[in-house]
Structures are given as structure tokens and as C-alpha cells.
Amino acid sequence: MTDFEKEEFWKSLGRLYDAATKTLAATEELRLVAESHEKRLDKLEVVQQWLAEKERKRETEGGK
């Protein structure tokens, strides 16, 4: 293996590491968003609103 190949290997390994750490950070942010939305579902009003919107959508699609 030449020095150039070794250098390219370590550069690509560094890029892979950077991508993996960014993916980990993004996953953590998504987890936090998902948890905040779960808390919203605990509220009865949110569930009622969602059901009402779904019913309105069903009625408008059925009326066409």
C-alpha cells in the first residue's frame, strides 16, 4: 500500500466518522422531537382535534 493510498484511507475513515457522529446527533434531536409530540398525545384535546380533522377529511373525500 502506497503512502497516497494510506492517506486516502485515513481521510475516508475520518469522513465516515464525521458522518456517523452527525447521524448520532440528528437521531438524538429526532428522539427529542418525538418525545415532545408524545406528550401532546396525552392531552385529550389534541386527540379530539385529530379525530375531527380526520372525519372532515373523510367527509370531503366521500362527497366528491
Protein backbone atom coordinates (compact mmCIF):
# COMPACT_ATOMS: atom_id res chain seq x y z
CA MET A 1 0.00 0.00 0.00
CA THR A 2 1.47 3.35 -1.03
CA ASP A 3 1.60 6.43 1.15
CA PHE A 4 -1.05 8.05 -1.03
CA GLU A 5 -3.40 5.10 -0.53
CA LYS A 6 -2.82 5.19 3.22
CA GLU A 7 -3.53 8.91 3.30
CA GLU A 8 -6.74 8.45 1.29
CA PHE A 9 -7.80 5.61 3.60
CA TRP A 10 -7.41 7.76 6.71
CA LYS A 11 -9.20 10.69 5.07
CA SER A 12 -12.14 8.49 4.12
CA LEU A 13 -12.20 6.96 7.59
CA GLY A 14 -12.34 10.47 9.04
CA ARG A 15 -15.26 11.36 6.76
CA LEU A 16 -17.05 8.20 7.83
CA TYR A 17 -16.52 9.06 11.49
CA ASP A 18 -17.81 12.61 10.94
CA ALA A 19 -20.91 11.29 9.17
CA ALA A 20 -21.55 8.80 11.96
CA THR A 21 -21.33 11.47 14.66
CA LYS A 22 -23.66 13.78 12.70
CA THR A 23 -26.11 10.90 12.29
CA LEU A 24 -25.99 10.26 16.02
CA ALA A 25 -26.68 13.93 16.78
CA ALA A 26 -29.57 14.05 14.29
CA THR A 27 -31.06 10.89 15.76
CA GLU A 28 -30.93 12.38 19.24
CA GLU A 29 -32.70 15.53 18.02
CA LEU A 30 -35.40 13.43 16.36
CA ARG A 31 -35.87 11.48 19.57
CA LEU A 32 -36.43 14.70 21.49
CA VAL A 33 -38.99 15.88 18.92
CA ALA A 34 -40.78 12.53 19.06
CA GLU A 35 -40.92 12.67 22.85
CA SER A 36 -42.37 16.18 22.77
CA HIS A 37 -45.08 15.01 20.36
CA GLU A 38 -45.86 12.01 22.56
CA LYS A 39 -46.56 14.38 25.42
CA ARG A 40 -49.05 16.23 23.21
CA LEU A 41 -50.94 12.99 22.59
CA ASP A 42 -51.53 12.70 26.31
CA LYS A 43 -53.88 15.66 26.09
CA LEU A 44 -57.44 14.71 25.23
CA GLU A 45 -57.99 17.91 23.23
CA VAL A 46 -55.22 17.05 20.80
CA VAL A 47 -56.66 13.60 20.15
CA GLN A 48 -60.15 15.07 19.70
CA GLN A 49 -58.85 17.65 17.25
CA TRP A 50 -57.06 14.97 15.24
CA LEU A 51 -60.18 12.82 15.11
CA ALA A 52 -62.30 15.77 13.99
CA GLU A 53 -59.83 16.64 11.21
CA LYS A 54 -59.77 13.04 10.07
CA GLU A 55 -63.57 12.92 9.99
CA ARG A 56 -63.76 16.18 7.98
CA LYS A 57 -61.23 14.82 5.50
CA ARG A 58 -63.18 11.58 5.15
CA GLU A 59 -66.41 13.51 4.53
CA THR A 60 -64.85 15.77 1.88
CA GLU A 61 -63.26 12.84 0.07
CA GLY A 62 -66.50 10.87 0.18
CA GLY A 63 -68.50 13.79 -1.20
CA LYS A 64 -66.52 14.08 -4.43
